[in-house]
Amino acid sequence: SLPAKVALSIVFLSQVAKYVPGNVAHHVGRVVLAKRYGLGMTNT
């Protein structure tokens, strides 16, 4: 369970990391932000 506003903010914030070379940082950023909001790592 995650409010839609929080899900959107996680996706938008993690997209900023897309511009770090390697095209992986936005995935890592989303996992870190999701964990901060209490989401399970496996489900994320």
ModelCIF file with pLDDT and N, C-alpha, C, O atoms, coordinates in Angstrom:
data_MODEL
#
_entry.id   MODEL 
#
_entity.id                         1 
_entity.type                       polymer 
_entity.pdbx_number_of_molecules   1 
#
_entity_poly.entity_id                      1 
_entity_poly.type                           'polypeptide(L)' 
_entity_poly.nstd_linkage                   no 
_entity_poly.nstd_monomer                   no 
_entity_poly.pdbx_seq_one_letter_code       SLPAKVALSIVFLSQVAKYVPGNVAHHVGRVVLAKRYGLGMTNT 
_entity_poly.pdbx_seq_one_letter_code_can   SLPAKVALSIVFLSQVAKYVPGNVAHHVGRVVLAKRYGLGMTNT 
_entity_poly.pdbx_strand_id                 A 
#
loop_
_entity_poly_seq.entity_id 
_entity_poly_seq.num 
_entity_poly_seq.mon_id 
_entity_poly_seq.hetero 
1 1  SER n 
1 2  LEU n 
1 3  PRO n 
1 4  ALA n 
1 5  LYS n 
1 6  VAL n 
1 7  ALA n 
1 8  LEU n 
1 9  SER n 
1 10 ILE n 
1 11 VAL n 
1 12 PHE n 
1 13 LEU n 
1 14 SER n 
1 15 GLN n 
1 16 VAL n 
1 17 ALA n 
1 18 LYS n 
1 19 TYR n 
1 20 VAL n 
1 21 PRO n 
1 22 GLY n 
1 23 ASN n 
1 24 VAL n 
1 25 ALA n 
1 26 HIS n 
1 27 HIS n 
1 28 VAL n 
1 29 GLY n 
1 30 ARG n 
1 31 VAL n 
1 32 VAL n 
1 33 LEU n 
1 34 ALA n 
1 35 LYS n 
1 36 ARG n 
1 37 TYR n 
1 38 GLY n 
1 39 LEU n 
1 40 GLY n 
1 41 MET n 
1 42 THR n 
1 43 ASN n 
1 44 THR n 
#
_struct_asym.id          A 
_struct_asym.entity_id   1 
#
loop_
_ma_qa_metric.id 
_ma_qa_metric.mode 
_ma_qa_metric.name 
_ma_qa_metric.software_group_id 
_ma_qa_metric.type 
1 global pLDDT . pLDDT 
2 local  pLDDT . pLDDT 
#
_ma_qa_metric_global.metric_id      1 
_ma_qa_metric_global.metric_value   83.77 
_ma_qa_metric_global.model_id       1 
_ma_qa_metric_global.ordinal_id     1 
#
loop_
_ma_qa_metric_local.label_asym_id 
_ma_qa_metric_local.label_comp_id 
_ma_qa_metric_local.label_seq_id 
_ma_qa_metric_local.metric_id 
_ma_qa_metric_local.metric_value 
_ma_qa_metric_local.model_id 
_ma_qa_metric_local.ordinal_id 
A SER 1  2 82.00 1 1  
A LEU 2  2 84.00 1 2  
A PRO 3  2 88.00 1 3  
A ALA 4  2 87.00 1 4  
A LYS 5  2 90.00 1 5  
A VAL 6  2 89.00 1 6  
A ALA 7  2 88.00 1 7  
A LEU 8  2 88.00 1 8  
A SER 9  2 87.00 1 9  
A ILE 10 2 88.00 1 10 
A VAL 11 2 87.00 1 11 
A PHE 12 2 86.00 1 12 
A LEU 13 2 84.00 1 13 
A SER 14 2 84.00 1 14 
A GLN 15 2 81.00 1 15 
A VAL 16 2 77.00 1 16 
A ALA 17 2 76.00 1 17 
A LYS 18 2 74.00 1 18 
A TYR 19 2 73.00 1 19 
A VAL 20 2 71.00 1 20 
A PRO 21 2 67.00 1 21 
A GLY 22 2 67.00 1 22 
A ASN 23 2 71.00 1 23 
A VAL 24 2 78.00 1 24 
A ALA 25 2 81.00 1 25 
A HIS 26 2 81.00 1 26 
A HIS 27 2 82.00 1 27 
A VAL 28 2 85.00 1 28 
A GLY 29 2 84.00 1 29 
A ARG 30 2 87.00 1 30 
A VAL 31 2 88.00 1 31 
A VAL 32 2 87.00 1 32 
A LEU 33 2 87.00 1 33 
A ALA 34 2 89.00 1 34 
A LYS 35 2 89.00 1 35 
A ARG 36 2 88.00 1 36 
A TYR 37 2 87.00 1 37 
A GLY 38 2 89.00 1 38 
A LEU 39 2 89.00 1 39 
A GLY 40 2 88.00 1 40 
A MET 41 2 88.00 1 41 
A THR 42 2 90.00 1 42 
A ASN 43 2 90.00 1 43 
A THR 44 2 90.00 1 44 
#
loop_
_atom_site.group_PDB 
_atom_site.id 
_atom_site.type_symbol 
_atom_site.label_atom_id 
_atom_site.label_alt_id 
_atom_site.label_comp_id 
_atom_site.label_asym_id 
_atom_site.label_entity_id 
_atom_site.label_seq_id 
_atom_site.pdbx_PDB_ins_code 
_atom_site.Cartn_x 
_atom_site.Cartn_y 
_atom_site.Cartn_z 
_atom_site.occupancy 
_atom_site.B_iso_or_equiv 
_atom_site.pdbx_formal_charge 
_atom_site.auth_seq_id 
_atom_site.auth_comp_id 
_atom_site.auth_asym_id 
_atom_site.auth_atom_id 
_atom_site.pdbx_PDB_model_num 
ATOM 1   N N  . SER A 1 1  ? 0.848  -1.198 0.000   1.00 82.00 ? 1  SER A N  1 
ATOM 2   C CA . SER A 1 1  ? 0.000  0.000  0.000   1.00 82.00 ? 1  SER A CA 1 
ATOM 3   C C  . SER A 1 1  ? 0.878  1.240  0.000   1.00 82.00 ? 1  SER A C  1 
ATOM 4   O O  . SER A 1 1  ? 1.766  1.402  0.837   1.00 82.00 ? 1  SER A O  1 
ATOM 5   N N  . LEU A 1 2  ? 0.606  2.095  -0.949  1.00 84.00 ? 2  LEU A N  1 
ATOM 6   C CA . LEU A 1 2  ? 1.355  3.331  -1.094  1.00 84.00 ? 2  LEU A CA 1 
ATOM 7   C C  . LEU A 1 2  ? 0.418  4.336  -1.762  1.00 84.00 ? 2  LEU A C  1 
ATOM 8   O O  . LEU A 1 2  ? -0.157 4.046  -2.811  1.00 84.00 ? 2  LEU A O  1 
ATOM 9   N N  . PRO A 1 3  ? 0.265  5.511  -1.163  1.00 88.00 ? 3  PRO A N  1 
ATOM 10  C CA . PRO A 1 3  ? -0.588 6.510  -1.808  1.00 88.00 ? 3  PRO A CA 1 
ATOM 11  C C  . PRO A 1 3  ? -0.084 6.838  -3.215  1.00 88.00 ? 3  PRO A C  1 
ATOM 12  O O  . PRO A 1 3  ? 1.121  6.840  -3.465  1.00 88.00 ? 3  PRO A O  1 
ATOM 13  N N  . ALA A 1 4  ? -1.006 7.110  -4.118  1.00 87.00 ? 4  ALA A N  1 
ATOM 14  C CA . ALA A 1 4  ? -0.650 7.393  -5.515  1.00 87.00 ? 4  ALA A CA 1 
ATOM 15  C C  . ALA A 1 4  ? 0.329  8.566  -5.607  1.00 87.00 ? 4  ALA A C  1 
ATOM 16  O O  . ALA A 1 4  ? 1.248  8.551  -6.425  1.00 87.00 ? 4  ALA A O  1 
ATOM 17  N N  . LYS A 1 5  ? 0.127  9.573  -4.768  1.00 90.00 ? 5  LYS A N  1 
ATOM 18  C CA . LYS A 1 5  ? 1.006  10.744 -4.778  1.00 90.00 ? 5  LYS A CA 1 
ATOM 19  C C  . LYS A 1 5  ? 2.445  10.360 -4.444  1.00 90.00 ? 5  LYS A C  1 
ATOM 20  O O  . LYS A 1 5  ? 3.385  10.885 -5.041  1.00 90.00 ? 5  LYS A O  1 
ATOM 21  N N  . VAL A 1 6  ? 2.617  9.445  -3.492  1.00 89.00 ? 6  VAL A N  1 
ATOM 22  C CA . VAL A 1 6  ? 3.958  9.007  -3.096  1.00 89.00 ? 6  VAL A CA 1 
ATOM 23  C C  . VAL A 1 6  ? 4.585  8.171  -4.212  1.00 89.00 ? 6  VAL A C  1 
ATOM 24  O O  . VAL A 1 6  ? 5.766  8.333  -4.520  1.00 89.00 ? 6  VAL A O  1 
ATOM 25  N N  . ALA A 1 7  ? 3.799  7.279  -4.818  1.00 88.00 ? 7  ALA A N  1 
ATOM 26  C CA . ALA A 1 7  ? 4.317  6.467  -5.929  1.00 88.00 ? 7  ALA A CA 1 
ATOM 27  C C  . ALA A 1 7  ? 4.796  7.363  -7.064  1.00 88.00 ? 7  ALA A C  1 
ATOM 28  O O  . ALA A 1 7  ? 5.863  7.138  -7.635  1.00 88.00 ? 7  ALA A O  1 
ATOM 29  N N  . LEU A 1 8  ? 3.998  8.381  -7.387  1.00 88.00 ? 8  LEU A N  1 
ATOM 30  C CA . LEU A 1 8  ? 4.394  9.321  -8.434  1.00 88.00 ? 8  LEU A CA 1 
ATOM 31  C C  . LEU A 1 8  ? 5.662  10.080 -8.058  1.00 88.00 ? 8  LEU A C  1 
ATOM 32  O O  . LEU A 1 8  ? 6.550  10.259 -8.892  1.00 88.00 ? 8  LEU A O  1 
ATOM 33  N N  . SER A 1 9  ? 5.750  10.524 -6.816  1.00 87.00 ? 9  SER A N  1 
ATOM 34  C CA . SER A 1 9  ? 6.939  11.285 -6.409  1.00 87.00 ? 9  SER A CA 1 
ATOM 35  C C  . SER A 1 9  ? 8.190  10.417 -6.440  1.00 87.00 ? 9  SER A C  1 
ATOM 36  O O  . SER A 1 9  ? 9.268  10.902 -6.784  1.00 87.00 ? 9  SER A O  1 
ATOM 37  N N  . ILE A 1 10 ? 8.063  9.140  -6.084  1.00 88.00 ? 10 ILE A N  1 
ATOM 38  C CA . ILE A 1 10 ? 9.218  8.234  -6.139  1.00 88.00 ? 10 ILE A CA 1 
ATOM 39  C C  . ILE A 1 10 ? 9.677  8.074  -7.589  1.00 88.00 ? 10 ILE A C  1 
ATOM 40  O O  . ILE A 1 10 ? 10.873 8.131  -7.875  1.00 88.00 ? 10 ILE A O  1 
ATOM 41  N N  . VAL A 1 11 ? 8.735  7.875  -8.492  1.00 87.00 ? 11 VAL A N  1 
ATOM 42  C CA . VAL A 1 11 ? 9.101  7.693  -9.899  1.00 87.00 ? 11 VAL A CA 1 
ATOM 43  C C  . VAL A 1 11 ? 9.719  8.971  -10.466 1.00 87.00 ? 11 VAL A C  1 
ATOM 44  O O  . VAL A 1 11 ? 10.747 8.913  -11.141 1.00 87.00 ? 11 VAL A O  1 
ATOM 45  N N  . PHE A 1 12 ? 9.107  10.116 -10.198 1.00 86.00 ? 12 PHE A N  1 
ATOM 46  C CA . PHE A 1 12 ? 9.647  11.372 -10.724 1.00 86.00 ? 12 PHE A CA 1 
ATOM 47  C C  . PHE A 1 12 ? 11.033 11.673 -10.150 1.00 86.00 ? 12 PHE A C  1 
ATOM 48  O O  . PHE A 1 12 ? 11.931 12.076 -10.889 1.00 86.00 ? 12 PHE A O  1 
ATOM 49  N N  . LEU A 1 13 ? 11.215 11.481 -8.842  1.00 84.00 ? 13 LEU A N  1 
ATOM 50  C CA . LEU A 1 13 ? 12.523 11.736 -8.251  1.00 84.00 ? 13 LEU A CA 1 
ATOM 51  C C  . LEU A 1 13 ? 13.583 10.786 -8.780  1.00 84.00 ? 13 LEU A C  1 
ATOM 52  O O  . LEU A 1 13 ? 14.713 11.194 -9.046  1.00 84.00 ? 13 LEU A O  1 
ATOM 53  N N  . SER A 1 14 ? 13.217 9.519  -8.933  1.00 84.00 ? 14 SER A N  1 
ATOM 54  C CA . SER A 1 14 ? 14.215 8.557  -9.402  1.00 84.00 ? 14 SER A CA 1 
ATOM 55  C C  . SER A 1 14 ? 14.577 8.803  -10.864 1.00 84.00 ? 14 SER A C  1 
ATOM 56  O O  . SER A 1 14 ? 15.664 8.411  -11.290 1.00 84.00 ? 14 SER A O  1 
ATOM 57  N N  . GLN A 1 15 ? 13.708 9.438  -11.643 1.00 81.00 ? 15 GLN A N  1 
ATOM 58  C CA . GLN A 1 15 ? 14.019 9.703  -13.043 1.00 81.00 ? 15 GLN A CA 1 
ATOM 59  C C  . GLN A 1 15 ? 15.161 10.696 -13.207 1.00 81.00 ? 15 GLN A C  1 
ATOM 60  O O  . GLN A 1 15 ? 15.837 10.697 -14.236 1.00 81.00 ? 15 GLN A O  1 
ATOM 61  N N  . VAL A 1 16 ? 15.380 11.530 -12.219 1.00 77.00 ? 16 VAL A N  1 
ATOM 62  C CA . VAL A 1 16 ? 16.491 12.477 -12.279 1.00 77.00 ? 16 VAL A CA 1 
ATOM 63  C C  . VAL A 1 16 ? 17.806 11.724 -12.407 1.00 77.00 ? 16 VAL A C  1 
ATOM 64  O O  . VAL A 1 16 ? 18.725 12.186 -13.082 1.00 77.00 ? 16 VAL A O  1 
ATOM 65  N N  . ALA A 1 17 ? 17.899 10.566 -11.759 1.00 76.00 ? 17 ALA A N  1 
ATOM 66  C CA . ALA A 1 17 ? 19.130 9.780  -11.789 1.00 76.00 ? 17 ALA A CA 1 
ATOM 67  C C  . ALA A 1 17 ? 19.350 9.099  -13.133 1.00 76.00 ? 17 ALA A C  1 
ATOM 68  O O  . ALA A 1 17 ? 20.399 8.489  -13.342 1.00 76.00 ? 17 ALA A O  1 
ATOM 69  N N  . LYS A 1 18 ? 18.395 9.185  -14.041 1.00 74.00 ? 18 LYS A N  1 
ATOM 70  C CA . LYS A 1 18 ? 18.548 8.575  -15.357 1.00 74.00 ? 18 LYS A CA 1 
ATOM 71  C C  . LYS A 1 18 ? 19.722 9.187  -16.116 1.00 74.00 ? 18 LYS A C  1 
ATOM 72  O O  . LYS A 1 18 ? 20.281 8.566  -17.020 1.00 74.00 ? 18 LYS A O  1 
ATOM 73  N N  . TYR A 1 19 ? 20.081 10.392 -15.743 1.00 73.00 ? 19 TYR A N  1 
ATOM 74  C CA . TYR A 1 19 ? 21.108 11.103 -16.477 1.00 73.00 ? 19 TYR A CA 1 
ATOM 75  C C  . TYR A 1 19 ? 22.506 10.837 -15.929 1.00 73.00 ? 19 TYR A C  1 
ATOM 76  O O  . TYR A 1 19 ? 23.481 11.409 -16.417 1.00 73.00 ? 19 TYR A O  1 
ATOM 77  N N  . VAL A 1 20 ? 22.612 9.975  -14.922 1.00 71.00 ? 20 VAL A N  1 
ATOM 78  C CA . VAL A 1 20 ? 23.915 9.514  -14.458 1.00 71.00 ? 20 VAL A CA 1 
ATOM 79  C C  . VAL A 1 20 ? 24.335 8.403  -15.409 1.00 71.00 ? 20 VAL A C  1 
ATOM 80  O O  . VAL A 1 20 ? 23.536 7.507  -15.680 1.00 71.00 ? 20 VAL A O  1 
ATOM 81  N N  . PRO A 1 21 ? 25.561 8.430  -15.924 1.00 67.00 ? 21 PRO A N  1 
ATOM 82  C CA . PRO A 1 21 ? 25.979 7.401  -16.877 1.00 67.00 ? 21 PRO A CA 1 
ATOM 83  C C  . PRO A 1 21 ? 25.778 5.985  -16.324 1.00 67.00 ? 21 PRO A C  1 
ATOM 84  O O  . PRO A 1 21 ? 25.984 5.729  -15.137 1.00 67.00 ? 21 PRO A O  1 
ATOM 85  N N  . GLY A 1 22 ? 25.377 5.094  -17.195 1.00 67.00 ? 22 GLY A N  1 
ATOM 86  C CA . GLY A 1 22 ? 25.176 3.702  -16.818 1.00 67.00 ? 22 GLY A CA 1 
ATOM 87  C C  . GLY A 1 22 ? 23.732 3.272  -16.863 1.00 67.00 ? 22 GLY A C  1 
ATOM 88  O O  . GLY A 1 22 ? 23.450 2.076  -16.925 1.00 67.00 ? 22 GLY A O  1 
ATOM 89  N N  . ASN A 1 23 ? 22.799 4.222  -16.833 1.00 71.00 ? 23 ASN A N  1 
ATOM 90  C CA . ASN A 1 23 ? 21.363 3.954  -16.920 1.00 71.00 ? 23 ASN A CA 1 
ATOM 91  C C  . ASN A 1 23 ? 20.881 2.953  -15.875 1.00 71.00 ? 23 ASN A C  1 
ATOM 92  O O  . ASN A 1 23 ? 19.968 2.171  -16.142 1.00 71.00 ? 23 ASN A O  1 
ATOM 93  N N  . VAL A 1 24 ? 21.473 2.971  -14.713 1.00 78.00 ? 24 VAL A N  1 
ATOM 94  C CA . VAL A 1 24 ? 21.062 2.075  -13.630 1.00 78.00 ? 24 VAL A CA 1 
ATOM 95  C C  . VAL A 1 24 ? 20.648 2.867  -12.398 1.00 78.00 ? 24 VAL A C  1 
ATOM 96  O O  . VAL A 1 24 ? 19.860 2.387  -11.583 1.00 78.00 ? 24 VAL A O  1 
ATOM 97  N N  . ALA A 1 25 ? 21.171 4.068  -12.262 1.00 81.00 ? 25 ALA A N  1 
ATOM 98  C CA . ALA A 1 25 ? 20.972 4.845  -11.038 1.00 81.00 ? 25 ALA A CA 1 
ATOM 99  C C  . ALA A 1 25 ? 19.505 5.126  -10.754 1.00 81.00 ? 25 ALA A C  1 
ATOM 100 O O  . ALA A 1 25 ? 19.122 5.198  -9.587  1.00 81.00 ? 25 ALA A O  1 
ATOM 101 N N  . HIS A 1 26 ? 18.663 5.291  -11.781 1.00 81.00 ? 26 HIS A N  1 
ATOM 102 C CA . HIS A 1 26 ? 17.252 5.565  -11.518 1.00 81.00 ? 26 HIS A CA 1 
ATOM 103 C C  . HIS A 1 26 ? 16.560 4.343  -10.924 1.00 81.00 ? 26 HIS A C  1 
ATOM 104 O O  . HIS A 1 26 ? 15.608 4.487  -10.157 1.00 81.00 ? 26 HIS A O  1 
ATOM 105 N N  . HIS A 1 27 ? 17.022 3.150  -11.265 1.00 82.00 ? 27 HIS A N  1 
ATOM 106 C CA . HIS A 1 27 ? 16.463 1.944  -10.646 1.00 82.00 ? 27 HIS A CA 1 
ATOM 107 C C  . HIS A 1 27 ? 16.882 1.860  -9.180  1.00 82.00 ? 27 HIS A C  1 
ATOM 108 O O  . HIS A 1 27 ? 16.065 1.575  -8.304  1.00 82.00 ? 27 HIS A O  1 
ATOM 109 N N  . VAL A 1 28 ? 18.158 2.111  -8.930  1.00 85.00 ? 28 VAL A N  1 
ATOM 110 C CA . VAL A 1 28 ? 18.661 2.094  -7.553  1.00 85.00 ? 28 VAL A CA 1 
ATOM 111 C C  . VAL A 1 28 ? 17.949 3.155  -6.726  1.00 85.00 ? 28 VAL A C  1 
ATOM 112 O O  . VAL A 1 28 ? 17.564 2.912  -5.582  1.00 85.00 ? 28 VAL A O  1 
ATOM 113 N N  . GLY A 1 29 ? 17.779 4.328  -7.312  1.00 84.00 ? 29 GLY A N  1 
ATOM 114 C CA . GLY A 1 29 ? 17.094 5.406  -6.607  1.00 84.00 ? 29 GLY A CA 1 
ATOM 115 C C  . GLY A 1 29 ? 15.668 5.053  -6.245  1.00 84.00 ? 29 GLY A C  1 
ATOM 116 O O  . GLY A 1 29 ? 15.196 5.393  -5.160  1.00 84.00 ? 29 GLY A O  1 
ATOM 117 N N  . ARG A 1 30 ? 14.979 4.374  -7.143  1.00 87.00 ? 30 ARG A N  1 
ATOM 118 C CA . ARG A 1 30 ? 13.603 3.994  -6.851  1.00 87.00 ? 30 ARG A CA 1 
ATOM 119 C C  . ARG A 1 30 ? 13.557 2.969  -5.723  1.00 87.00 ? 30 ARG A C  1 
ATOM 120 O O  . ARG A 1 30 ? 12.690 3.040  -4.852  1.00 87.00 ? 30 ARG A O  1 
ATOM 121 N N  . VAL A 1 31 ? 14.482 2.023  -5.737  1.00 88.00 ? 31 VAL A N  1 
ATOM 122 C CA . VAL A 1 31 ? 14.517 1.015  -4.664  1.00 88.00 ? 31 VAL A CA 1 
ATOM 123 C C  . VAL A 1 31 ? 14.798 1.685  -3.317  1.00 88.00 ? 31 VAL A C  1 
ATOM 124 O O  . VAL A 1 31 ? 14.152 1.367  -2.318  1.00 88.00 ? 31 VAL A O  1 
ATOM 125 N N  . VAL A 1 32 ? 15.757 2.606  -3.288  1.00 87.00 ? 32 VAL A N  1 
ATOM 126 C CA . VAL A 1 32 ? 16.108 3.294  -2.039  1.00 87.00 ? 32 VAL A CA 1 
ATOM 127 C C  . VAL A 1 32 ? 14.921 4.121  -1.542  1.00 87.00 ? 32 VAL A C  1 
ATOM 128 O O  . VAL A 1 32 ? 14.601 4.087  -0.354  1.00 87.00 ? 32 VAL A O  1 
ATOM 129 N N  . LEU A 1 33 ? 14.272 4.858  -2.434  1.00 87.00 ? 33 LEU A N  1 
ATOM 130 C CA . LEU A 1 33 ? 13.119 5.666  -2.029  1.00 87.00 ? 33 LEU A CA 1 
ATOM 131 C C  . LEU A 1 33 ? 11.955 4.786  -1.576  1.00 87.00 ? 33 LEU A C  1 
ATOM 132 O O  . LEU A 1 33 ? 11.277 5.108  -0.600  1.00 87.00 ? 33 LEU A O  1 
ATOM 133 N N  . ALA A 1 34 ? 11.724 3.684  -2.277  1.00 89.00 ? 34 ALA A N  1 
ATOM 134 C CA . ALA A 1 34 ? 10.640 2.777  -1.887  1.00 89.00 ? 34 ALA A CA 1 
ATOM 135 C C  . ALA A 1 34 ? 10.904 2.184  -0.507  1.00 89.00 ? 34 ALA A C  1 
ATOM 136 O O  . ALA A 1 34 ? 9.990  2.052  0.307   1.00 89.00 ? 34 ALA A O  1 
ATOM 137 N N  . LYS A 1 35 ? 12.147 1.832  -0.255  1.00 89.00 ? 35 LYS A N  1 
ATOM 138 C CA . LYS A 1 35 ? 12.497 1.283  1.059   1.00 89.00 ? 35 LYS A CA 1 
ATOM 139 C C  . LYS A 1 35 ? 12.263 2.326  2.152   1.00 89.00 ? 35 LYS A C  1 
ATOM 140 O O  . LYS A 1 35 ? 11.813 1.994  3.249   1.00 89.00 ? 35 LYS A O  1 
ATOM 141 N N  . ARG A 1 36 ? 12.567 3.577  1.849   1.00 88.00 ? 36 ARG A N  1 
ATOM 142 C CA . ARG A 1 36 ? 12.360 4.658  2.814   1.00 88.00 ? 36 ARG A CA 1 
ATOM 143 C C  . ARG A 1 36 ? 10.888 4.791  3.192   1.00 88.00 ? 36 ARG A C  1 
ATOM 144 O O  . ARG A 1 36 ? 10.567 5.175  4.317   1.00 88.00 ? 36 ARG A O  1 
ATOM 145 N N  . TYR A 1 37 ? 9.990  4.474  2.251   1.00 87.00 ? 37 TYR A N  1 
ATOM 146 C CA . TYR A 1 37 ? 8.552  4.535  2.528   1.00 87.00 ? 37 TYR A CA 1 
ATOM 147 C C  . TYR A 1 37 ? 7.993  3.216  3.028   1.00 87.00 ? 37 TYR A C  1 
ATOM 148 O O  . TYR A 1 37 ? 6.776  3.046  3.113   1.00 87.00 ? 37 TYR A O  1 
ATOM 149 N N  . GLY A 1 38 ? 8.873  2.285  3.359   1.00 89.00 ? 38 GLY A N  1 
ATOM 150 C CA . GLY A 1 38 ? 8.444  1.043  3.990   1.00 89.00 ? 38 GLY A CA 1 
ATOM 151 C C  . GLY A 1 38 ? 7.990  -0.063 3.056   1.00 89.00 ? 38 GLY A C  1 
ATOM 152 O O  . GLY A 1 38 ? 7.369  -1.028 3.500   1.00 89.00 ? 38 GLY A O  1 
ATOM 153 N N  . LEU A 1 39 ? 8.287  0.060  1.779   1.00 89.00 ? 39 LEU A N  1 
ATOM 154 C CA . LEU A 1 39 ? 7.905  -0.996 0.848   1.00 89.00 ? 39 LEU A CA 1 
ATOM 155 C C  . LEU A 1 39 ? 8.896  -2.154 0.931   1.00 89.00 ? 39 LEU A C  1 
ATOM 156 O O  . LEU A 1 39 ? 10.082 -1.955 1.194   1.00 89.00 ? 39 LEU A O  1 
ATOM 157 N N  . GLY A 1 40 ? 8.392  -3.359 0.703   1.00 88.00 ? 40 GLY A N  1 
ATOM 158 C CA . GLY A 1 40 ? 9.249  -4.534 0.729   1.00 88.00 ? 40 GLY A CA 1 
ATOM 159 C C  . GLY A 1 40 ? 10.186 -4.560 -0.473  1.00 88.00 ? 40 GLY A C  1 
ATOM 160 O O  . GLY A 1 40 ? 9.790  -4.212 -1.586  1.00 88.00 ? 40 GLY A O  1 
ATOM 161 N N  . MET A 1 41 ? 11.423 -4.971 -0.245  1.00 88.00 ? 41 MET A N  1 
ATOM 162 C CA . MET A 1 41 ? 12.428 -4.991 -1.301  1.00 88.00 ? 41 MET A CA 1 
ATOM 163 C C  . MET A 1 41 ? 12.032 -5.967 -2.420  1.00 88.00 ? 41 MET A C  1 
ATOM 164 O O  . MET A 1 41 ? 12.168 -5.645 -3.600  1.00 88.00 ? 41 MET A O  1 
ATOM 165 N N  . THR A 1 42 ? 11.549 -7.142 -2.053  1.00 90.00 ? 42 THR A N  1 
ATOM 166 C CA . THR A 1 42 ? 11.182 -8.149 -3.055  1.00 90.00 ? 42 THR A CA 1 
ATOM 167 C C  . THR A 1 42 ? 10.055 -7.647 -3.951  1.00 90.00 ? 42 THR A C  1 
ATOM 168 O O  . THR A 1 42 ? 10.124 -7.773 -5.174  1.00 90.00 ? 42 THR A O  1 
ATOM 169 N N  . ASN A 1 43 ? 9.027  -7.082 -3.346  1.00 90.00 ? 43 ASN A N  1 
ATOM 170 C CA . ASN A 1 43 ? 7.903  -6.569 -4.132  1.00 90.00 ? 43 ASN A CA 1 
ATOM 171 C C  . ASN A 1 43 ? 8.310  -5.388 -5.008  1.00 90.00 ? 43 ASN A C  1 
ATOM 172 O O  . ASN A 1 43 ? 7.858  -5.272 -6.147  1.00 90.00 ? 43 ASN A O  1 
ATOM 173 N N  . THR A 1 44 ? 9.149  -4.527 -4.486  1.00 90.00 ? 44 THR A N  1 
ATOM 174 C CA . THR A 1 44 ? 9.618  -3.384 -5.269  1.00 90.00 ? 44 THR A CA 1 
ATOM 175 C C  . THR A 1 44 ? 10.390 -3.854 -6.491  1.00 90.00 ? 44 THR A C  1 
ATOM 176 O O  . THR A 1 44 ? 10.865 -3.032 -7.275  1.00 90.00 ? 44 THR A O  1 
#
